[in-house]
Amino acid sequence: MAHPRIPLLNFGLAASLLISAGTGLHAAPSNGPTVADAVVLTAWLQVEDLLTMADVVVEVEVNGTMNRGSVAENGRIDVILPAGVEAVLRISKPDHLTKEVVVDTRHVNDGGFDGKQRHVSCAVILQAKEHMAGLNYPGPVGTIGFDEGGGCMTVEHDRRLVTERRQQVVVF
């Protein structure tokens, strides 16, 4: 199924986010790849103790450029990433643990996938800090990529938690 036509927000480099009620997030330069040369990522967000999605912030960093957006109340996030990049999707909400997902599209067109639209879906759950006993994620919680030579999707999870680093002023 072809991706519906979404208004393009020009942020200058390689990724685009379009987050609005019902459509999601899109990022790409005006002279960037077509949707057929890209990976469409749909993330479904669930927030522990959800009252509203209004204060959730989504950031996508590609090639040193950061794009920001918000999340629709239904929790859907759509991100269009060009082939050949490594992007970091960062989702945060006040008083919740921030999560990062790395999306590596460098081998998306390997194997027999050249020119075919690739659509990846995932779910992201944000936990309230008050339930995490001072623990935090040491890095990205997941990596989505494509096998070199074959182009098949690969997924890795990292659920490790570490003690949150707390810096306090020492008074003598």
N, C-alpha and C. Protein backbone atom coordinates (compact mmCIF):
# COMPACT_ATOMS: atom_id res chain seq x y z
N MET A 1 0.84 -1.16 0.00
CA MET A 1 0.00 0.00 0.00
C MET A 1 0.89 1.23 0.00
N ALA A 2 0.63 2.16 -0.86
CA ALA A 2 1.43 3.38 -0.96
C ALA A 2 1.17 4.27 0.24
N HIS A 3 2.20 4.98 0.67
CA HIS A 3 2.07 5.90 1.80
C HIS A 3 1.26 7.11 1.34
N PRO A 4 0.28 7.55 2.16
CA PRO A 4 -0.51 8.71 1.75
C PRO A 4 0.36 9.94 1.61
N ARG A 5 -0.03 10.84 0.77
CA ARG A 5 0.72 12.08 0.55
C ARG A 5 0.64 12.92 1.82
N ILE A 6 1.80 13.26 2.38
CA ILE A 6 1.89 14.03 3.61
C ILE A 6 2.59 15.33 3.30
N PRO A 7 2.11 16.45 3.83
CA PRO A 7 2.82 17.71 3.60
C PRO A 7 4.26 17.60 4.08
N LEU A 8 5.19 18.11 3.31
CA LEU A 8 6.60 18.00 3.62
C LEU A 8 7.05 19.21 4.42
N LEU A 9 7.71 18.95 5.53
CA LEU A 9 8.29 20.02 6.33
C LEU A 9 9.78 20.03 6.03
N ASN A 10 10.30 21.11 5.53
CA ASN A 10 11.70 21.17 5.16
C ASN A 10 12.54 21.58 6.37
N PHE A 11 13.34 20.64 6.87
CA PHE A 11 14.19 20.91 8.01
C PHE A 11 15.65 20.99 7.61
N GLY A 12 15.96 20.85 6.33
CA GLY A 12 17.32 21.07 5.90
C GLY A 12 18.12 19.85 5.53
N LEU A 13 18.11 18.75 6.29
CA LEU A 13 18.96 17.63 5.90
C LEU A 13 18.14 16.37 5.68
N ALA A 14 18.46 15.31 6.41
CA ALA A 14 18.03 13.99 5.96
C ALA A 14 16.82 13.37 6.61
N ALA A 15 16.26 13.90 7.65
CA ALA A 15 15.11 13.21 8.23
C ALA A 15 13.98 14.18 8.40
N SER A 16 12.79 13.65 8.44
CA SER A 16 11.69 14.55 8.62
C SER A 16 10.67 13.97 9.53
N LEU A 17 10.12 14.79 10.37
CA LEU A 17 9.12 14.40 11.34
C LEU A 17 7.85 15.19 11.07
N LEU A 18 6.77 14.52 10.98
CA LEU A 18 5.50 15.21 10.86
C LEU A 18 4.61 14.60 11.90
N ILE A 19 4.39 15.31 12.98
CA ILE A 19 3.54 14.77 14.03
C ILE A 19 2.35 15.70 14.15
N SER A 20 1.23 15.18 13.81
CA SER A 20 0.00 15.94 13.98
C SER A 20 -1.13 14.95 14.14
N ALA A 21 -2.23 15.39 14.65
CA ALA A 21 -3.34 14.48 14.93
C ALA A 21 -3.69 13.67 13.70
N GLY A 22 -3.52 12.38 13.80
CA GLY A 22 -3.92 11.48 12.74
C GLY A 22 -2.89 11.20 11.66
N THR A 23 -1.89 12.05 11.43
CA THR A 23 -0.98 11.78 10.33
C THR A 23 0.41 11.38 10.77
N GLY A 24 0.91 11.82 11.89
CA GLY A 24 2.22 11.41 12.33
C GLY A 24 3.30 12.43 12.07
N LEU A 25 4.52 11.99 11.75
CA LEU A 25 5.69 12.86 11.64
C LEU A 25 6.46 12.56 10.36
N HIS A 26 6.97 13.60 9.69
CA HIS A 26 7.70 13.39 8.43
C HIS A 26 8.86 14.36 8.35
N ALA A 27 10.02 13.87 7.96
CA ALA A 27 11.18 14.76 7.82
C ALA A 27 12.00 14.38 6.61
N ALA A 28 12.27 15.33 5.75
CA ALA A 28 13.13 15.11 4.59
C ALA A 28 13.43 16.44 3.93
N PRO A 29 14.58 16.55 3.30
CA PRO A 29 14.90 17.79 2.60
C PRO A 29 14.08 17.89 1.32
N SER A 30 13.96 19.09 0.79
CA SER A 30 13.16 19.28 -0.42
C SER A 30 13.73 18.52 -1.60
N ASN A 31 15.04 18.30 -1.63
CA ASN A 31 15.64 17.54 -2.71
C ASN A 31 16.00 16.13 -2.26
N GLY A 32 15.35 15.66 -1.19
CA GLY A 32 15.66 14.37 -0.59
C GLY A 32 15.02 13.21 -1.32
N PRO A 33 15.08 12.05 -0.70
CA PRO A 33 14.61 10.83 -1.34
C PRO A 33 13.09 10.81 -1.45
N THR A 34 12.62 10.05 -2.43
CA THR A 34 11.18 9.83 -2.53
C THR A 34 10.81 8.80 -1.48
N VAL A 35 9.51 8.64 -1.22
CA VAL A 35 9.07 7.66 -0.23
C VAL A 35 9.51 6.26 -0.64
N ALA A 36 9.58 5.97 -1.95
CA ALA A 36 10.02 4.66 -2.40
C ALA A 36 11.49 4.39 -2.06
N ASP A 37 12.30 5.43 -1.88
CA ASP A 37 13.71 5.29 -1.52
C ASP A 37 13.93 5.41 -0.02
N ALA A 38 12.87 5.35 0.76
CA ALA A 38 12.96 5.62 2.18
C ALA A 38 12.36 4.49 3.00
N VAL A 39 12.52 4.61 4.31
CA VAL A 39 11.90 3.71 5.27
C VAL A 39 10.83 4.50 6.00
N VAL A 40 9.62 3.98 6.01
CA VAL A 40 8.53 4.60 6.76
C VAL A 40 8.45 3.85 8.08
N LEU A 41 8.67 4.57 9.18
CA LEU A 41 8.62 3.98 10.52
C LEU A 41 7.37 4.49 11.21
N THR A 42 6.53 3.56 11.66
CA THR A 42 5.35 3.92 12.46
C THR A 42 5.59 3.39 13.86
N ALA A 43 5.60 4.29 14.83
CA ALA A 43 5.76 3.91 16.24
C ALA A 43 4.45 4.20 16.96
N TRP A 44 4.01 3.25 17.75
CA TRP A 44 2.82 3.43 18.57
C TRP A 44 3.28 3.64 19.99
N LEU A 45 2.93 4.78 20.57
CA LEU A 45 3.39 5.16 21.90
C LEU A 45 2.33 4.86 22.94
N GLN A 46 2.79 4.21 24.01
CA GLN A 46 1.93 4.01 25.18
C GLN A 46 2.65 4.64 26.35
N VAL A 47 1.93 5.42 27.15
CA VAL A 47 2.54 6.11 28.28
C VAL A 47 1.87 5.63 29.55
N GLU A 48 2.71 5.15 30.49
CA GLU A 48 2.22 4.73 31.79
C GLU A 48 1.58 5.93 32.47
N ASP A 49 0.51 5.74 33.15
CA ASP A 49 -0.27 6.77 33.86
C ASP A 49 -0.64 7.94 32.94
N LEU A 50 -1.03 7.60 31.71
CA LEU A 50 -1.32 8.61 30.69
C LEU A 50 -2.47 9.52 31.10
N LEU A 51 -2.22 10.80 31.04
CA LEU A 51 -3.27 11.80 31.15
C LEU A 51 -3.45 12.49 29.81
N THR A 52 -2.31 12.76 29.15
CA THR A 52 -2.34 13.40 27.84
C THR A 52 -1.04 13.16 27.11
N MET A 53 -1.09 13.23 25.79
CA MET A 53 0.11 13.13 24.97
C MET A 53 0.66 14.52 24.64
N ALA A 54 -0.02 15.56 25.12
CA ALA A 54 0.34 16.94 24.74
C ALA A 54 1.77 17.31 25.10
N ASP A 55 2.33 16.75 26.19
CA ASP A 55 3.68 17.14 26.59
C ASP A 55 4.75 16.12 26.19
N VAL A 56 4.39 15.16 25.34
CA VAL A 56 5.37 14.21 24.82
C VAL A 56 6.14 14.89 23.69
N VAL A 57 7.47 14.74 23.71
CA VAL A 57 8.30 15.33 22.67
C VAL A 57 9.00 14.20 21.92
N VAL A 58 8.97 14.27 20.60
CA VAL A 58 9.66 13.31 19.75
C VAL A 58 10.74 14.07 19.00
N GLU A 59 11.96 13.52 19.03
CA GLU A 59 13.08 14.11 18.31
C GLU A 59 13.68 13.03 17.41
N VAL A 60 14.06 13.43 16.22
CA VAL A 60 14.77 12.53 15.32
C VAL A 60 16.07 13.23 14.93
N GLU A 61 17.19 12.54 15.18
CA GLU A 61 18.49 13.10 14.82
C GLU A 61 19.08 12.28 13.67
N VAL A 62 19.39 12.97 12.58
CA VAL A 62 20.00 12.33 11.41
C VAL A 62 21.10 13.24 10.91
N ASN A 63 22.29 12.70 10.73
CA ASN A 63 23.43 13.46 10.20
C ASN A 63 23.66 14.76 10.96
N GLY A 64 23.50 14.74 12.27
CA GLY A 64 23.74 15.91 13.09
C GLY A 64 22.61 16.91 13.13
N THR A 65 21.53 16.67 12.41
CA THR A 65 20.38 17.57 12.41
C THR A 65 19.27 16.99 13.27
N MET A 66 18.73 17.81 14.16
CA MET A 66 17.67 17.38 15.07
C MET A 66 16.36 18.00 14.63
N ASN A 67 15.33 17.17 14.50
CA ASN A 67 13.97 17.63 14.20
C ASN A 67 13.09 17.24 15.36
N ARG A 68 12.18 18.14 15.75
CA ARG A 68 11.30 17.91 16.90
C ARG A 68 9.85 17.96 16.48
N GLY A 69 9.04 17.24 17.23
CA GLY A 69 7.60 17.27 17.02
C GLY A 69 6.89 16.80 18.28
N SER A 70 5.58 16.78 18.21
CA SER A 70 4.78 16.28 19.32
C SER A 70 4.03 15.05 18.83
N VAL A 71 3.23 14.46 19.70
CA VAL A 71 2.54 13.22 19.37
C VAL A 71 1.04 13.46 19.35
N ALA A 72 0.36 12.85 18.40
CA ALA A 72 -1.10 12.92 18.36
C ALA A 72 -1.65 12.19 19.58
N GLU A 73 -2.84 12.52 20.00
CA GLU A 73 -3.45 11.92 21.19
C GLU A 73 -3.62 10.41 21.06
N ASN A 74 -3.67 9.88 19.85
CA ASN A 74 -3.79 8.43 19.70
C ASN A 74 -2.45 7.71 19.84
N GLY A 75 -1.34 8.46 19.99
CA GLY A 75 -0.03 7.89 20.22
C GLY A 75 0.73 7.46 18.97
N ARG A 76 0.20 7.73 17.79
CA ARG A 76 0.88 7.32 16.55
C ARG A 76 1.93 8.34 16.14
N ILE A 77 3.09 7.81 15.75
CA ILE A 77 4.20 8.63 15.27
C ILE A 77 4.64 8.02 13.95
N ASP A 78 4.67 8.80 12.87
CA ASP A 78 5.19 8.34 11.58
C ASP A 78 6.44 9.13 11.26
N VAL A 79 7.50 8.43 10.91
CA VAL A 79 8.76 9.06 10.56
C VAL A 79 9.21 8.48 9.22
N ILE A 80 9.57 9.34 8.28
CA ILE A 80 10.10 8.89 7.01
C ILE A 80 11.59 9.19 6.99
N LEU A 81 12.39 8.13 6.85
CA LEU A 81 13.85 8.26 6.86
C LEU A 81 14.41 7.84 5.51
N PRO A 82 15.37 8.57 5.00
CA PRO A 82 15.98 8.20 3.72
C PRO A 82 16.85 6.95 3.88
N ALA A 83 17.09 6.26 2.80
CA ALA A 83 18.00 5.12 2.81
C ALA A 83 19.42 5.64 3.04
N GLY A 84 20.24 4.81 3.69
CA GLY A 84 21.65 5.14 3.84
C GLY A 84 22.02 5.98 5.04
N VAL A 85 21.15 6.07 6.07
CA VAL A 85 21.47 6.88 7.24
C VAL A 85 21.30 6.06 8.52
N GLU A 86 21.85 6.59 9.60
CA GLU A 86 21.58 6.06 10.92
C GLU A 86 20.91 7.18 11.70
N ALA A 87 19.70 6.92 12.16
CA ALA A 87 18.90 7.94 12.86
C ALA A 87 18.66 7.50 14.29
N VAL A 88 18.49 8.49 15.17
CA VAL A 88 18.12 8.22 16.56
C VAL A 88 16.77 8.86 16.80
N LEU A 89 15.80 8.03 17.18
CA LEU A 89 14.46 8.48 17.54
C LEU A 89 14.42 8.57 19.06
N ARG A 90 14.16 9.76 19.60
CA ARG A 90 14.16 9.98 21.05
C ARG A 90 12.76 10.44 21.46
N ILE A 91 12.15 9.73 22.41
CA ILE A 91 10.80 10.05 22.87
C ILE A 91 10.87 10.36 24.35
N SER A 92 10.35 11.53 24.74
CA SER A 92 10.42 11.92 26.15
C SER A 92 9.13 12.58 26.61
N LYS A 93 8.88 12.47 27.89
CA LYS A 93 7.73 13.09 28.55
C LYS A 93 8.18 13.42 29.96
N PRO A 94 7.80 14.59 30.49
CA PRO A 94 8.20 14.94 31.85
C PRO A 94 7.82 13.83 32.85
N ASP A 95 8.72 13.56 33.78
CA ASP A 95 8.54 12.58 34.84
C ASP A 95 8.45 11.13 34.34
N HIS A 96 8.95 10.87 33.14
CA HIS A 96 9.01 9.53 32.57
C HIS A 96 10.43 9.28 32.04
N LEU A 97 10.81 8.00 31.95
CA LEU A 97 12.12 7.68 31.40
C LEU A 97 12.10 7.93 29.90
N THR A 98 13.11 8.64 29.41
CA THR A 98 13.25 8.89 27.98
C THR A 98 13.75 7.61 27.31
N LYS A 99 13.22 7.33 26.13
CA LYS A 99 13.67 6.16 25.37
C LYS A 99 14.22 6.60 24.03
N GLU A 100 15.27 5.90 23.60
CA GLU A 100 15.87 6.12 22.28
C GLU A 100 15.84 4.82 21.50
N VAL A 101 15.56 4.94 20.20
CA VAL A 101 15.60 3.81 19.28
C VAL A 101 16.48 4.22 18.10
N VAL A 102 17.46 3.40 17.77
CA VAL A 102 18.34 3.66 16.62
C VAL A 102 17.74 2.96 15.41
N VAL A 103 17.64 3.69 14.30
CA VAL A 103 17.15 3.12 13.05
C VAL A 103 18.25 3.30 12.00
N ASP A 104 18.79 2.18 11.54
CA ASP A 104 19.89 2.17 10.58
C ASP A 104 19.35 1.73 9.22
N THR A 105 19.30 2.66 8.27
CA THR A 105 18.74 2.35 6.94
C THR A 105 19.82 2.13 5.88
N ARG A 106 21.07 1.93 6.32
CA ARG A 106 22.16 1.83 5.35
C ARG A 106 22.04 0.67 4.37
N HIS A 107 21.41 -0.43 4.76
CA HIS A 107 21.33 -1.60 3.87
C HIS A 107 19.90 -1.91 3.46
N VAL A 108 19.02 -0.91 3.55
CA VAL A 108 17.60 -1.14 3.27
C VAL A 108 17.34 -1.61 1.84
N ASN A 109 18.18 -1.22 0.90
CA ASN A 109 17.97 -1.60 -0.50
C ASN A 109 18.82 -2.79 -0.95
N ASP A 110 19.51 -3.44 0.00
CA ASP A 110 20.29 -4.63 -0.36
C ASP A 110 19.36 -5.79 -0.71
N GLY A 111 19.91 -6.78 -1.33
CA GLY A 111 19.11 -7.94 -1.72
C GLY A 111 18.11 -7.55 -2.80
N GLY A 112 16.93 -8.07 -2.74
CA GLY A 112 15.91 -7.80 -3.75
C GLY A 112 14.97 -6.67 -3.38
N PHE A 113 15.38 -5.80 -2.44
CA PHE A 113 14.47 -4.76 -1.96
C PHE A 113 14.65 -3.41 -2.64
N ASP A 114 15.59 -3.27 -3.55
CA ASP A 114 15.87 -1.99 -4.18
C ASP A 114 14.62 -1.39 -4.81
N GLY A 115 14.28 -0.17 -4.40
CA GLY A 115 13.15 0.55 -4.97
C GLY A 115 11.81 0.19 -4.37
N LYS A 116 11.77 -0.75 -3.43
CA LYS A 116 10.50 -1.13 -2.80
C LYS A 116 10.33 -0.35 -1.51
N GLN A 117 9.13 0.13 -1.29
CA GLN A 117 8.86 0.87 -0.06
C GLN A 117 8.93 -0.07 1.13
N ARG A 118 9.66 0.35 2.16
CA ARG A 118 9.81 -0.45 3.37
C ARG A 118 9.05 0.25 4.49
N HIS A 119 8.17 -0.46 5.17
CA HIS A 119 7.37 0.09 6.27
C HIS A 119 7.62 -0.77 7.50
N VAL A 120 8.07 -0.13 8.58
CA VAL A 120 8.40 -0.81 9.82
C VAL A 120 7.51 -0.24 10.92
N SER A 121 6.94 -1.11 11.76
CA SER A 121 6.13 -0.67 12.89
C SER A 121 6.74 -1.17 14.19
N CYS A 122 6.61 -0.37 15.24
CA CYS A 122 7.08 -0.78 16.56
C CYS A 122 6.23 -0.10 17.62
N ALA A 123 6.35 -0.60 18.84
CA ALA A 123 5.66 0.00 19.98
C ALA A 123 6.70 0.51 20.97
N VAL A 124 6.40 1.64 21.60
CA VAL A 124 7.29 2.22 22.60
C VAL A 124 6.44 2.52 23.84
N ILE A 125 6.89 2.05 25.00
CA ILE A 125 6.18 2.30 26.25
C ILE A 125 7.07 3.16 27.13
N LEU A 126 6.54 4.30 27.59
CA LEU A 126 7.28 5.17 28.51
C LEU A 126 6.81 4.88 29.94
N GLN A 127 7.77 4.57 30.82
CA GLN A 127 7.45 4.30 32.22
C GLN A 127 7.64 5.54 33.07
N ALA A 128 6.78 5.70 34.07
CA ALA A 128 6.89 6.81 35.01
C ALA A 128 8.13 6.62 35.87
N LYS A 129 8.90 7.70 36.09
CA LYS A 129 10.13 7.63 36.89
C LYS A 129 9.84 7.18 38.31
N GLU A 130 8.70 7.56 38.85
CA GLU A 130 8.39 7.22 40.24
C GLU A 130 8.29 5.72 40.47
N HIS A 131 8.07 4.95 39.42
CA HIS A 131 7.98 3.48 39.54
C HIS A 131 9.29 2.78 39.22
N MET A 132 10.34 3.54 38.89
CA MET A 132 11.59 2.94 38.41
C MET A 132 12.72 2.94 39.44
N ALA A 133 12.47 3.34 40.66
CA ALA A 133 13.42 3.25 41.78
C ALA A 133 14.81 3.81 41.45
N GLY A 134 14.86 4.95 40.76
CA GLY A 134 16.14 5.59 40.46
C GLY A 134 16.93 4.92 39.36
N LEU A 135 16.29 4.08 38.55
CA LEU A 135 16.97 3.42 37.44
C LEU A 135 16.70 4.16 36.14
N ASN A 136 17.60 3.96 35.18
CA ASN A 136 17.47 4.61 33.87
C ASN A 136 18.10 3.71 32.81
N TYR A 137 17.82 3.99 31.55
CA TYR A 137 18.42 3.23 30.45
C TYR A 137 19.80 3.82 30.13
N PRO A 138 20.82 2.96 29.97
CA PRO A 138 22.17 3.48 29.69
C PRO A 138 22.37 3.93 28.25
N GLY A 139 21.45 3.61 27.38
CA GLY A 139 21.57 3.96 25.96
C GLY A 139 20.28 3.61 25.25
N PRO A 140 20.33 3.45 23.94
CA PRO A 140 19.13 3.10 23.18
C PRO A 140 18.52 1.78 23.67
N VAL A 141 17.19 1.72 23.68
CA VAL A 141 16.50 0.51 24.12
C VAL A 141 16.30 -0.47 22.97
N GLY A 142 16.54 -0.01 21.76
CA GLY A 142 16.38 -0.89 20.61
C GLY A 142 17.09 -0.36 19.39
N THR A 143 17.36 -1.30 18.47
CA THR A 143 17.96 -0.95 17.19
C THR A 143 17.20 -1.68 16.10
N ILE A 144 16.79 -0.92 15.09
CA ILE A 144 16.14 -1.49 13.91
C ILE A 144 17.09 -1.26 12.75
N GLY A 145 17.40 -2.31 12.03
CA GLY A 145 18.32 -2.19 10.92
C GLY A 145 17.97 -3.18 9.82
N PHE A 146 18.87 -3.30 8.85
CA PHE A 146 18.67 -4.17 7.71
C PHE A 146 19.98 -4.89 7.43
N ASP A 147 19.91 -6.21 7.19
CA ASP A 147 21.11 -7.02 6.95
C ASP A 147 21.89 -6.55 5.73
N GLU A 148 23.22 -6.49 5.90
CA GLU A 148 24.09 -6.17 4.78
C GLU A 148 24.04 -7.31 3.76
N GLY A 149 23.82 -6.96 2.52
CA GLY A 149 23.77 -7.95 1.47
C GLY A 149 22.38 -8.52 1.21
N GLY A 150 21.58 -8.68 2.26
CA GLY A 150 20.25 -9.28 2.10
C GLY A 150 19.10 -8.31 2.25
N GLY A 151 19.28 -7.27 3.05
CA GLY A 151 18.24 -6.26 3.23
C GLY A 151 17.12 -6.65 4.17
N CYS A 152 17.17 -7.84 4.78
CA CYS A 152 16.11 -8.25 5.71
C CYS A 152 16.21 -7.44 7.00
N MET A 153 15.06 -7.14 7.59
CA MET A 153 15.02 -6.33 8.80
C MET A 153 15.60 -7.09 9.99
N THR A 154 16.37 -6.37 10.82
CA THR A 154 16.90 -6.92 12.06
C THR A 154 16.44 -6.03 13.20
N VAL A 155 16.17 -6.63 14.35
CA VAL A 155 15.72 -5.89 15.53
C VAL A 155 16.49 -6.39 16.73
N GLU A 156 17.00 -5.46 17.53
CA GLU A 156 17.67 -5.79 18.78
C GLU A 156 17.04 -4.99 19.89
N HIS A 157 16.89 -5.61 21.07
CA HIS A 157 16.35 -4.94 22.25
C HIS A 157 17.42 -4.89 23.32
N ASP A 158 17.41 -3.84 24.12
CA ASP A 158 18.31 -3.75 25.27
C ASP A 158 17.47 -3.22 26.43
N ARG A 159 17.10 -4.10 27.33
CA ARG A 159 16.23 -3.72 28.46
C ARG A 159 17.01 -3.45 29.73
N ARG A 160 18.35 -3.38 29.62
CA ARG A 160 19.16 -3.13 30.81
C ARG A 160 18.81 -1.80 31.44
N LEU A 161 18.83 -1.77 32.74
CA LEU A 161 18.64 -0.55 33.51
C LEU A 161 19.86 -0.35 34.40
N VAL A 162 20.24 0.89 34.61
CA VAL A 162 21.36 1.21 35.49
C VAL A 162 20.90 2.27 36.48
N THR A 163 21.64 2.37 37.57
CA THR A 163 21.32 3.39 38.57
C THR A 163 21.52 4.77 37.96
N GLU A 164 20.53 5.61 38.12
CA GLU A 164 20.60 6.95 37.56
C GLU A 164 21.71 7.73 38.25
N ARG A 165 22.51 8.39 37.44
CA ARG A 165 23.63 9.18 37.96
C ARG A 165 23.08 10.47 38.55
N ARG A 166 23.40 10.67 39.81
CA ARG A 166 22.90 11.88 40.48
C ARG A 166 24.09 12.74 40.90
N GLN A 167 24.06 13.95 40.44
CA GLN A 167 25.11 14.88 40.81
C GLN A 167 24.57 15.84 41.85
N GLN A 168 25.24 15.85 42.98
CA GLN A 168 24.81 16.72 44.08
C GLN A 168 25.96 17.63 44.48
N VAL A 169 25.61 18.80 44.92
CA VAL A 169 26.60 19.74 45.42
C VAL A 169 27.02 19.28 46.82
N VAL A 170 28.32 19.19 47.01
CA VAL A 170 28.85 18.80 48.31
C VAL A 170 29.20 20.07 49.08
N VAL A 171 28.64 20.20 50.26
CA VAL A 171 28.89 21.38 51.09
C VAL A 171 29.82 20.97 52.24
N PHE A 172 30.92 21.71 52.42
CA PHE A 172 31.87 21.43 53.49
C PHE A 172 31.70 22.41 54.61
